[in-house]
Amino acid sequence: MTSGLYHIALLCLFSLASTFIPSFRDIIQDPTLSIVPAEKVSLFKSDKKSEYPSPNNQTPALEPFVGSFDLIASQAFPNGTTRADTMSFYFGREKTAIIIHAKGSQPDMRMVFHPSAASITALFEMKGRKGGYVLPMNDKYWPGMKHANGKVKIIANAQPGYTGETRTIEGYSCEKVLAESSDYKAEMWITKDIPLNMMQILSYQTVGAGKSQDELNQFEQFGVKGLPLQVNLNSKQGKAAVQLNLINFQDSIDDAIFSSEGHELSNVE
């Protein structure tokens, strides 16, 4: 890979400060990785067996979720400053994609998860040049992978409180649930009408060798079932209060979201 493309990649694999929005700088900071020239990269064929637990292997009462939505993570700090970050999620029948919406001059990052190719493709565009990396889909580069199909058993440290209070959010009936972890007290509005849970969603934010799973650990402690469309987290340690909102649900997606056409790719092994 040319040094110019490498430096572009360094700039593009940026770090967002929000507690529940990921950093992808870890991807290229692993000293053991090797780079394969772009002409050897294939996104559609692989001899590797994917360890990815496909969401469509679930056997819930509802059909697997196919569609898109946005996750908005807002923080309110004790000094009065606030911050909001947005990620978009696209669940297809064979692939999943996320877009991290950057701020200022930083480029958006799009990541495509392709189980049959055992690959994760990180794509960016900067100053008119399209680039990207293809990562192996395994536990090393995706530490939270096991949570992606939602079948990991969640054992709560404390029993969540299902209040029976309901309201409609984004067209879905939700119940107010109170829960607690070692770091946060949580108020969540949870629907059982969408076959996803927050552990699945947060798993897609753990891409990168050695990437922290702190957010997954928090929600594992909450021990709730179903998908929270709104979450209010109040820190026990004097940290920022966090609000998560899932909005803009759509039941269809454009397959172009999974395309890497026009991008110069390098393979990370």
C-alpha atoms as a PDB file:
ATOM      1  CA  MET A   1       0.000   0.000   0.000  1.00  0.00           C
ATOM      2  CA  THR A   2       1.340   3.435  -0.851  1.00  0.00           C
ATOM      3  CA  SER A   3       2.347   5.750   1.972  1.00  0.00           C
ATOM      4  CA  GLY A   4      -0.165   8.328   0.727  1.00  0.00           C
ATOM      5  CA  LEU A   5      -3.076   5.922   1.032  1.00  0.00           C
ATOM      6  CA  TYR A   6      -1.793   4.782   4.401  1.00  0.00           C
ATOM      7  CA  HIS A   7      -1.833   8.341   5.758  1.00  0.00           C
ATOM      8  CA  ILE A   8      -5.312   8.890   4.343  1.00  0.00           C
ATOM      9  CA  ALA A   9      -6.407   5.752   6.154  1.00  0.00           C
ATOM     10  CA  LEU A  10      -4.850   7.011   9.379  1.00  0.00           C
ATOM     11  CA  LEU A  11      -6.902  10.166   9.108  1.00  0.00           C
ATOM     12  CA  CYS A  12     -10.066   8.309   8.243  1.00  0.00           C
ATOM     13  CA  LEU A  13      -9.965   5.711  10.998  1.00  0.00           C
ATOM     14  CA  PHE A  14     -10.918   8.368  13.484  1.00  0.00           C
ATOM     15  CA  SER A  15     -11.910   8.328  17.130  1.00  0.00           C
ATOM     16  CA  LEU A  16     -15.267   9.699  18.307  1.00  0.00           C
ATOM     17  CA  ALA A  17     -15.415  10.738  21.933  1.00  0.00           C
ATOM     18  CA  SER A  18     -18.915   9.500  22.734  1.00  0.00           C
ATOM     19  CA  THR A  19     -19.156   6.621  25.195  1.00  0.00           C
ATOM     20  CA  PHE A  20     -21.401   4.595  22.920  1.00  0.00           C
ATOM     21  CA  ILE A  21     -19.897   5.522  19.525  1.00  0.00           C
ATOM     22  CA  PRO A  22     -16.807   3.498  18.548  1.00  0.00           C
ATOM     23  CA  SER A  23     -13.224   4.239  17.603  1.00  0.00           C
ATOM     24  CA  PHE A  24     -11.741   2.487  14.570  1.00  0.00           C
ATOM     25  CA  ARG A  25      -8.163   3.674  15.106  1.00  0.00           C
ATOM     26  CA  ASP A  26      -7.541   0.308  16.800  1.00  0.00           C
ATOM     27  CA  ILE A  27      -7.815  -1.428  13.436  1.00  0.00           C
ATOM     28  CA  ILE A  28      -4.493  -0.117  12.198  1.00  0.00           C
ATOM     29  CA  GLN A  29      -2.635   0.056  15.502  1.00  0.00           C
ATOM     30  CA  ASP A  30      -2.201  -3.711  15.753  1.00  0.00           C
ATOM     31  CA  PRO A  31       1.544  -4.305  15.107  1.00  0.00           C
ATOM     32  CA  THR A  32       0.875  -7.871  13.950  1.00  0.00           C
ATOM     33  CA  LEU A  33      -1.321  -6.984  10.976  1.00  0.00           C
ATOM     34  CA  SER A  34      -0.122  -7.281   7.385  1.00  0.00           C
ATOM     35  CA  ILE A  35      -1.379  -5.451   4.317  1.00  0.00           C
ATOM     36  CA  VAL A  36      -2.180  -7.277   1.071  1.00  0.00           C
ATOM     37  CA  PRO A  37      -2.266  -5.305  -2.212  1.00  0.00           C
ATOM     38  CA  ALA A  38      -5.733  -4.338  -3.370  1.00  0.00           C
ATOM     39  CA  GLU A  39      -5.677  -6.568  -6.449  1.00  0.00           C
ATOM     40  CA  LYS A  40      -5.615  -9.643  -4.170  1.00  0.00           C
ATOM     41  CA  VAL A  41      -8.699  -8.589  -2.235  1.00  0.00           C
ATOM     42  CA  SER A  42     -11.985 -10.357  -2.879  1.00  0.00           C
ATOM     43  CA  LEU A  43     -15.170  -9.366  -1.106  1.00  0.00           C
ATOM     44  CA  PHE A  44     -17.221 -12.154  -2.607  1.00  0.00           C
ATOM     45  CA  LYS A  45     -15.182 -15.337  -2.203  1.00  0.00           C
ATOM     46  CA  SER A  46     -13.252 -16.664   0.729  1.00  0.00           C
ATOM     47  CA  ASP A  47     -11.687 -19.958   1.729  1.00  0.00           C
ATOM     48  CA  LYS A  48     -12.064 -18.965   5.357  1.00  0.00           C
ATOM     49  CA  LYS A  49     -14.956 -20.280   7.358  1.00  0.00           C
ATOM     50  CA  SER A  50     -16.848 -17.424   8.919  1.00  0.00           C
ATOM     51  CA  GLU A  51     -17.290 -17.475  12.688  1.00  0.00           C
ATOM     52  CA  TYR A  52     -19.987 -14.814  12.337  1.00  0.00           C
ATOM     53  CA  PRO A  53     -23.288 -15.780  13.995  1.00  0.00           C
ATOM     54  CA  SER A  54     -25.722 -14.630  11.319  1.00  0.00           C
ATOM     55  CA  PRO A  55     -28.761 -12.762  12.693  1.00  0.00           C
ATOM     56  CA  ASN A  56     -30.927 -14.724  10.270  1.00  0.00           C
ATOM     57  CA  ASN A  57     -30.055 -17.957  12.076  1.00  0.00           C
ATOM     58  CA  GLN A  58     -32.248 -16.796  14.924  1.00  0.00           C
ATOM     59  CA  THR A  59     -35.462 -18.633  15.640  1.00  0.00           C
ATOM     60  CA  PRO A  60     -37.604 -15.992  17.367  1.00  0.00           C
ATOM     61  CA  ALA A  61     -41.352 -15.696  17.054  1.00  0.00           C
ATOM     62  CA  LEU A  62     -40.852 -12.725  14.735  1.00  0.00           C
ATOM     63  CA  GLU A  63     -39.217 -12.769  11.314  1.00  0.00           C
ATOM     64  CA  PRO A  64     -35.598 -11.494  11.269  1.00  0.00           C
ATOM     65  CA  PHE A  65     -35.398  -7.713  11.058  1.00  0.00           C
ATOM     66  CA  VAL A  66     -34.718  -6.383   7.560  1.00  0.00           C
ATOM     67  CA  GLY A  67     -34.516  -2.617   7.299  1.00  0.00           C
ATOM     68  CA  SER A  68     -32.692   0.392   8.685  1.00  0.00           C
ATOM     69  CA  PHE A  69     -32.690   2.880  11.536  1.00  0.00           C
ATOM     70  CA  ASP A  70     -30.484   5.555  13.129  1.00  0.00           C
ATOM     71  CA  LEU A  71     -28.912   5.462  16.579  1.00  0.00           C
ATOM     72  CA  ILE A  72     -28.387   8.888  18.149  1.00  0.00           C
ATOM     73  CA  ALA A  73     -26.110   8.960  21.209  1.00  0.00           C
ATOM     74  CA  SER A  74     -26.303  12.197  23.203  1.00  0.00           C
ATOM     75  CA  GLN A  75     -24.183  13.159  26.184  1.00  0.00           C
ATOM     76  CA  ALA A  76     -24.687  15.875  28.790  1.00  0.00           C
ATOM     77  CA  PHE A  77     -21.534  16.550  30.791  1.00  0.00           C
ATOM     78  CA  PRO A  78     -21.466  17.884  34.378  1.00  0.00           C
ATOM     79  CA  ASN A  79     -19.855  21.140  33.150  1.00  0.00           C
ATOM     80  CA  GLY A  80     -22.889  21.858  30.959  1.00  0.00           C
ATOM     81  CA  THR A  81     -21.430  20.888  27.558  1.00  0.00           C
ATOM     82  CA  THR A  82     -23.298  18.456  25.325  1.00  0.00           C
ATOM     83  CA  ARG A  83     -22.459  16.203  22.401  1.00  0.00           C
ATOM     84  CA  ALA A  84     -24.508  14.120  19.969  1.00  0.00           C
ATOM     85  CA  ASP A  85     -23.306  11.477  17.490  1.00  0.00           C
ATOM     86  CA  THR A  86     -25.238   9.423  14.952  1.00  0.00           C
ATOM     87  CA  MET A  87     -24.802   5.963  13.474  1.00  0.00           C
ATOM     88  CA  SER A  88     -27.025   4.391  10.826  1.00  0.00           C
ATOM     89  CA  PHE A  89     -27.698   0.635  10.721  1.00  0.00           C
ATOM     90  CA  TYR A  90     -28.770  -1.402   7.673  1.00  0.00           C
ATOM     91  CA  PHE A  91     -29.797  -5.020   8.171  1.00  0.00           C
ATOM     92  CA  GLY A  92     -30.100  -7.041   4.958  1.00  0.00           C
ATOM     93  CA  ARG A  93     -30.790 -10.744   4.603  1.00  0.00           C
ATOM     94  CA  GLU A  94     -27.155 -11.578   3.834  1.00  0.00           C
ATOM     95  CA  LYS A  95     -25.170  -8.517   4.935  1.00  0.00           C
ATOM     96  CA  THR A  96     -25.244  -5.757   7.520  1.00  0.00           C
ATOM     97  CA  ALA A  97     -23.842  -2.250   7.170  1.00  0.00           C
ATOM     98  CA  ILE A  98     -23.297   0.671   9.511  1.00  0.00           C
ATOM     99  CA  ILE A  99     -22.413   4.287   8.772  1.00  0.00           C
ATOM    100  CA  ILE A 100     -20.665   6.413  11.371  1.00  0.00           C
ATOM    101  CA  HIS A 101     -21.589  10.015  10.632  1.00  0.00           C
ATOM    102  CA  ALA A 102     -18.563  12.182  11.337  1.00  0.00           C
ATOM    103  CA  LYS A 103     -18.337  15.820  12.288  1.00  0.00           C
ATOM    104  CA  GLY A 104     -16.443  18.723  10.784  1.00  0.00           C
ATOM    105  CA  SER A 105     -13.921  17.807   8.088  1.00  0.00           C
ATOM    106  CA  GLN A 106     -13.763  14.134   9.055  1.00  0.00           C
ATOM    107  CA  PRO A 107     -15.241  11.678   6.538  1.00  0.00           C
ATOM    108  CA  ASP A 108     -18.084   9.312   7.291  1.00  0.00           C
ATOM    109  CA  MET A 109     -17.064   5.683   7.785  1.00  0.00           C
ATOM    110  CA  ARG A 110     -19.166   2.886   6.261  1.00  0.00           C
ATOM    111  CA  MET A 111     -18.621  -0.691   7.380  1.00  0.00           C
ATOM    112  CA  VAL A 112     -20.043  -3.737   5.603  1.00  0.00           C
ATOM    113  CA  PHE A 113     -20.306  -7.086   7.390  1.00  0.00           C
ATOM    114  CA  HIS A 114     -20.357  -9.995   4.913  1.00  0.00           C
ATOM    115  CA  PRO A 115     -20.616 -13.393   6.673  1.00  0.00           C
ATOM    116  CA  SER A 116     -20.288 -15.639   3.607  1.00  0.00           C
ATOM    117  CA  ALA A 117     -17.002 -13.898   2.713  1.00  0.00           C
ATOM    118  CA  ALA A 118     -15.893 -13.859   6.380  1.00  0.00           C
ATOM    119  CA  SER A 119     -15.045 -10.175   5.932  1.00  0.00           C
ATOM    120  CA  ILE A 120     -15.657  -6.724   7.360  1.00  0.00           C
ATOM    121  CA  THR A 121     -15.046  -3.892   4.913  1.00  0.00           C
ATOM    122  CA  ALA A 122     -14.376  -0.373   6.224  1.00  0.00           C
ATOM    123  CA  LEU A 123     -14.974   2.245   3.510  1.00  0.00           C
ATOM    124  CA  PHE A 124     -14.299   5.977   3.392  1.00  0.00           C
ATOM    125  CA  GLU A 125     -13.998   8.848   0.930  1.00  0.00           C
ATOM    126  CA  MET A 126     -11.676  11.783   1.473  1.00  0.00           C
ATOM    127  CA  LYS A 127     -10.830  14.616  -0.896  1.00  0.00           C
ATOM    128  CA  GLY A 128     -12.427  12.740  -3.761  1.00  0.00           C
ATOM    129  CA  ARG A 129     -10.451   9.558  -3.166  1.00  0.00           C
ATOM    130  CA  LYS A 130     -12.224   6.364  -2.128  1.00  0.00           C
ATOM    131  CA  GLY A 131     -10.364   3.867   0.012  1.00  0.00           C
ATOM    132  CA  GLY A 132     -10.946   1.115   2.480  1.00  0.00           C
ATOM    133  CA  TYR A 133      -9.800  -1.961   4.370  1.00  0.00           C
ATOM    134  CA  VAL A 134     -11.047  -5.540   4.348  1.00  0.00           C
ATOM    135  CA  LEU A 135     -10.692  -7.171   7.769  1.00  0.00           C
ATOM    136  CA  PRO A 136     -11.010 -10.858   8.638  1.00  0.00           C
ATOM    137  CA  MET A 137     -14.311 -11.551  10.373  1.00  0.00           C
ATOM    138  CA  ASN A 138     -13.112 -13.213  13.555  1.00  0.00           C
ATOM    139  CA  ASP A 139     -12.948 -12.685  17.296  1.00  0.00           C
ATOM    140  CA  LYS A 140      -9.632 -10.842  17.063  1.00  0.00           C
ATOM    141  CA  TYR A 141     -10.882  -8.047  14.821  1.00  0.00           C
ATOM    142  CA  TRP A 142     -14.454  -8.160  16.050  1.00  0.00           C
ATOM    143  CA  PRO A 143     -14.378  -8.863  19.802  1.00  0.00           C
ATOM    144  CA  GLY A 144     -18.143  -8.431  20.189  1.00  0.00           C
ATOM    145  CA  MET A 145     -18.988 -10.745  17.282  1.00  0.00           C
ATOM    146  CA  LYS A 146     -20.593 -13.439  19.416  1.00  0.00           C
ATOM    147  CA  HIS A 147     -23.390 -11.032  20.351  1.00  0.00           C
ATOM    148  CA  ALA A 148     -24.393 -10.277  16.752  1.00  0.00           C
ATOM    149  CA  ASN A 149     -27.150 -12.886  16.533  1.00  0.00           C
ATOM    150  CA  GLY A 150     -28.686 -12.011  19.888  1.00  0.00           C
ATOM    151  CA  LYS A 151     -28.487 -15.593  21.191  1.00  0.00           C
ATOM    152  CA  VAL A 152     -25.903 -15.031  23.938  1.00  0.00           C
ATOM    153  CA  LYS A 153     -27.611 -15.539  27.275  1.00  0.00           C
ATOM    154  CA  ILE A 154     -27.753 -12.364  29.347  1.00  0.00           C
ATOM    155  CA  ILE A 155     -27.324 -12.824  33.083  1.00  0.00           C
ATOM    156  CA  ALA A 156     -28.217  -9.689  35.009  1.00  0.00           C
ATOM    157  CA  ASN A 157     -26.516  -8.714  38.249  1.00  0.00           C
ATOM    158  CA  ALA A 158     -29.810  -7.176  39.363  1.00  0.00           C
ATOM    159  CA  GLN A 159     -33.330  -7.955  38.233  1.00  0.00           C
ATOM    160  CA  PRO A 160     -34.683  -5.208  35.930  1.00  0.00           C
ATOM    161  CA  GLY A 161     -37.928  -3.559  36.949  1.00  0.00           C
ATOM    162  CA  TYR A 162     -40.730  -3.886  34.394  1.00  0.00           C
ATOM    163  CA  THR A 163     -43.071  -1.071  35.367  1.00  0.00           C
ATOM    164  CA  GLY A 164     -46.067  -1.860  33.150  1.00  0.00           C
ATOM    165  CA  GLU A 165     -46.065   1.771  31.976  1.00  0.00           C
ATOM    166  CA  THR A 166     -46.359   1.935  28.188  1.00  0.00           C
ATOM    167  CA  ARG A 167     -46.164   4.439  25.363  1.00  0.00           C
ATOM    168  CA  THR A 168     -45.731   4.421  21.597  1.00  0.00           C
ATOM    169  CA  ILE A 169     -42.315   5.353  20.133  1.00  0.00           C
ATOM    170  CA  GLU A 170     -41.620   5.282  16.387  1.00  0.00           C
ATOM    171  CA  GLY A 171     -44.924   3.463  15.938  1.00  0.00           C
ATOM    172  CA  TYR A 172     -43.953   0.637  18.324  1.00  0.00           C
ATOM    173  CA  SER A 173     -45.511  -0.137  21.697  1.00  0.00           C
ATOM    174  CA  CYS A 174     -42.844   0.217  24.400  1.00  0.00           C
ATOM    175  CA  GLU A 175     -42.737  -0.556  28.126  1.00  0.00           C
ATOM    176  CA  LYS A 176     -40.770   1.470  30.663  1.00  0.00           C
ATOM    177  CA  VAL A 177     -38.075  -0.667  32.318  1.00  0.00           C
ATOM    178  CA  LEU A 178     -35.740   0.387  35.124  1.00  0.00           C
ATOM    179  CA  ALA A 179     -32.337  -1.282  35.428  1.00  0.00           C
ATOM    180  CA  GLU A 180     -28.956  -0.775  37.029  1.00  0.00           C
ATOM    181  CA  SER A 181     -25.318  -1.670  36.333  1.00  0.00           C
ATOM    182  CA  SER A 182     -22.155  -1.046  38.316  1.00  0.00           C
ATOM    183  CA  ASP A 183     -21.762   2.347  36.604  1.00  0.00           C
ATOM    184  CA  TYR A 184     -25.229   3.508  35.545  1.00  0.00           C
ATOM    185  CA  LYS A 185     -28.860   3.725  36.508  1.00  0.00           C
ATOM    186  CA  ALA A 186     -31.012   3.235  33.421  1.00  0.00           C
ATOM    187  CA  GLU A 187     -34.521   4.072  32.296  1.00  0.00           C
ATOM    188  CA  MET A 188     -35.406   2.269  29.071  1.00  0.00           C
ATOM    189  CA  TRP A 189     -38.437   2.119  26.817  1.00  0.00           C
ATOM    190  CA  ILE A 190     -38.397  -1.369  25.347  1.00  0.00           C
ATOM    191  CA  THR A 191     -40.363  -2.928  22.505  1.00  0.00           C
ATOM    192  CA  LYS A 192     -40.722  -6.655  21.878  1.00  0.00           C
ATOM    193  CA  ASP A 193     -42.036  -6.076  18.351  1.00  0.00           C
ATOM    194  CA  ILE A 194     -38.564  -5.852  16.726  1.00  0.00           C
ATOM    195  CA  PRO A 195     -36.409  -9.022  16.711  1.00  0.00           C
ATOM    196  CA  LEU A 196     -33.226  -7.248  17.822  1.00  0.00           C
ATOM    197  CA  ASN A 197     -31.682  -6.269  21.143  1.00  0.00           C
ATOM    198  CA  MET A 198     -29.210  -3.582  22.190  1.00  0.00           C
ATOM    199  CA  MET A 199     -26.401  -6.116  22.640  1.00  0.00           C
ATOM    200  CA  GLN A 200     -26.662  -6.974  18.940  1.00  0.00           C
ATOM    201  CA  ILE A 201     -26.565  -3.327  17.923  1.00  0.00           C
ATOM    202  CA  LEU A 202     -23.621  -2.483  20.168  1.00  0.00           C
ATOM    203  CA  SER A 203     -21.710  -5.529  18.914  1.00  0.00           C
ATOM    204  CA  TYR A 204     -21.209  -3.752  15.578  1.00  0.00           C
ATOM    205  CA  GLN A 205     -19.314  -1.007  17.395  1.00  0.00           C
ATOM    206  CA  THR A 206     -16.574  -3.301  18.698  1.00  0.00           C
ATOM    207  CA  VAL A 207     -14.613  -3.672  15.442  1.00  0.00           C
ATOM    208  CA  GLY A 208     -10.844  -3.445  15.922  1.00  0.00           C
ATOM    209  CA  ALA A 209      -8.184  -5.623  17.567  1.00  0.00           C
ATOM    210  CA  GLY A 210      -8.398  -5.169  21.320  1.00  0.00           C
ATOM    211  CA  LYS A 211     -11.504  -2.977  21.057  1.00  0.00           C
ATOM    212  CA  SER A 212     -13.227  -2.317  24.376  1.00  0.00           C
ATOM    213  CA  GLN A 213     -16.463  -4.122  25.143  1.00  0.00           C
ATOM    214  CA  ASP A 214     -17.412  -1.836  28.035  1.00  0.00           C
ATOM    215  CA  GLU A 215     -20.711  -0.809  26.438  1.00  0.00           C
ATOM    216  CA  LEU A 216     -21.695  -4.453  25.919  1.00  0.00           C
ATOM    217  CA  ASN A 217     -20.805  -5.208  29.529  1.00  0.00           C
ATOM    218  CA  GLN A 218     -23.055  -2.391  30.741  1.00  0.00           C
ATOM    219  CA  PHE A 219     -26.080  -3.694  28.861  1.00  0.00           C
ATOM    220  CA  GLU A 220     -25.333  -7.261  29.889  1.00  0.00           C
ATOM    221  CA  GLN A 221     -25.587  -6.123  33.487  1.00  0.00           C
ATOM    222  CA  PHE A 222     -28.931  -4.448  32.798  1.00  0.00           C
ATOM    223  CA  GLY A 223     -30.267  -7.876  31.810  1.00  0.00           C
ATOM    224  CA  VAL A 224     -33.234  -6.625  29.783  1.00  0.00           C
ATOM    225  CA  LYS A 225     -34.968  -8.440  26.948  1.00  0.00           C
ATOM    226  CA  GLY A 226     -36.291  -6.738  23.842  1.00  0.00           C
ATOM    227  CA  LEU A 227     -35.048  -3.627  22.043  1.00  0.00           C
ATOM    228  CA  PRO A 228     -34.938  -0.276  23.861  1.00  0.00           C
ATOM    229  CA  LEU A 229     -35.905   2.549  21.515  1.00  0.00           C
ATOM    230  CA  GLN A 230     -34.973   5.119  24.139  1.00  0.00           C
ATOM    231  CA  VAL A 231     -32.394   4.778  26.915  1.00  0.00           C
ATOM    232  CA  ASN A 232     -31.538   7.306  29.629  1.00  0.00           C
ATOM    233  CA  LEU A 233     -28.335   6.528  31.543  1.00  0.00           C
ATOM    234  CA  ASN A 234     -27.355   8.406  34.681  1.00  0.00           C
ATOM    235  CA  SER A 235     -23.795   7.838  35.860  1.00  0.00           C
ATOM    236  CA  LYS A 236     -23.022   6.768  39.412  1.00  0.00           C
ATOM    237  CA  GLN A 237     -19.470   8.034  38.969  1.00  0.00           C
ATOM    238  CA  GLY A 238     -20.187  11.667  38.061  1.00  0.00           C
ATOM    239  CA  LYS A 239     -19.644  11.076  34.337  1.00  0.00           C
ATOM    240  CA  ALA A 240     -21.798  12.393  31.501  1.00  0.00           C
ATOM    241  CA  ALA A 241     -25.457  11.440  31.349  1.00  0.00           C
ATOM    242  CA  VAL A 242     -26.168   9.495  28.155  1.00  0.00           C
ATOM    243  CA  GLN A 243     -29.326   9.231  26.096  1.00  0.00           C
ATOM    244  CA  LEU A 244     -29.711   6.738  23.246  1.00  0.00           C
ATOM    245  CA  ASN A 245     -32.536   7.028  20.725  1.00  0.00           C
ATOM    246  CA  LEU A 246     -33.376   4.675  17.856  1.00  0.00           C
ATOM    247  CA  ILE A 247     -35.285   6.581  15.164  1.00  0.00           C
ATOM    248  CA  ASN A 248     -36.143   6.649  11.461  1.00  0.00           C
ATOM    249  CA  PHE A 249     -37.094   2.984  11.090  1.00  0.00           C
ATOM    250  CA  GLN A 250     -37.502   1.806   7.492  1.00  0.00           C
ATOM    251  CA  ASP A 251     -38.570  -1.660   6.375  1.00  0.00           C
ATOM    252  CA  SER A 252     -36.562  -1.685   3.135  1.00  0.00           C
ATOM    253  CA  ILE A 253     -32.995  -0.779   2.157  1.00  0.00           C
ATOM    254  CA  ASP A 254     -31.086  -0.006  -1.033  1.00  0.00           C
ATOM    255  CA  ASP A 255     -28.514  -2.756  -1.721  1.00  0.00           C
ATOM    256  CA  ALA A 256     -26.075  -0.040  -2.816  1.00  0.00           C
ATOM    257  CA  ILE A 257     -25.318   0.453   0.869  1.00  0.00           C
ATOM    258  CA  PHE A 258     -23.355  -2.817   0.748  1.00  0.00           C
ATOM    259  CA  SER A 259     -21.341  -1.940  -2.382  1.00  0.00           C
ATOM    260  CA  SER A 260     -17.622  -1.108  -2.414  1.00  0.00           C
ATOM    261  CA  GLU A 261     -17.594  -0.175  -6.094  1.00  0.00           C
ATOM    262  CA  GLY A 262     -14.999   2.496  -6.870  1.00  0.00           C
ATOM    263  CA  HIS A 263     -13.063   2.046  -3.622  1.00  0.00           C
ATOM    264  CA  GLU A 264      -9.368   1.139  -3.548  1.00  0.00           C
ATOM    265  CA  LEU A 265      -9.139  -1.625  -0.963  1.00  0.00           C
ATOM    266  CA  SER A 266      -6.348  -3.178   1.059  1.00  0.00           C
ATOM    267  CA  ASN A 267      -6.640  -6.436   2.954  1.00  0.00           C
ATOM    268  CA  VAL A 268      -5.709  -6.592   6.649  1.00  0.00           C
ATOM    269  CA  GLU A 269      -4.612 -10.040   7.800  1.00  0.00           C
END
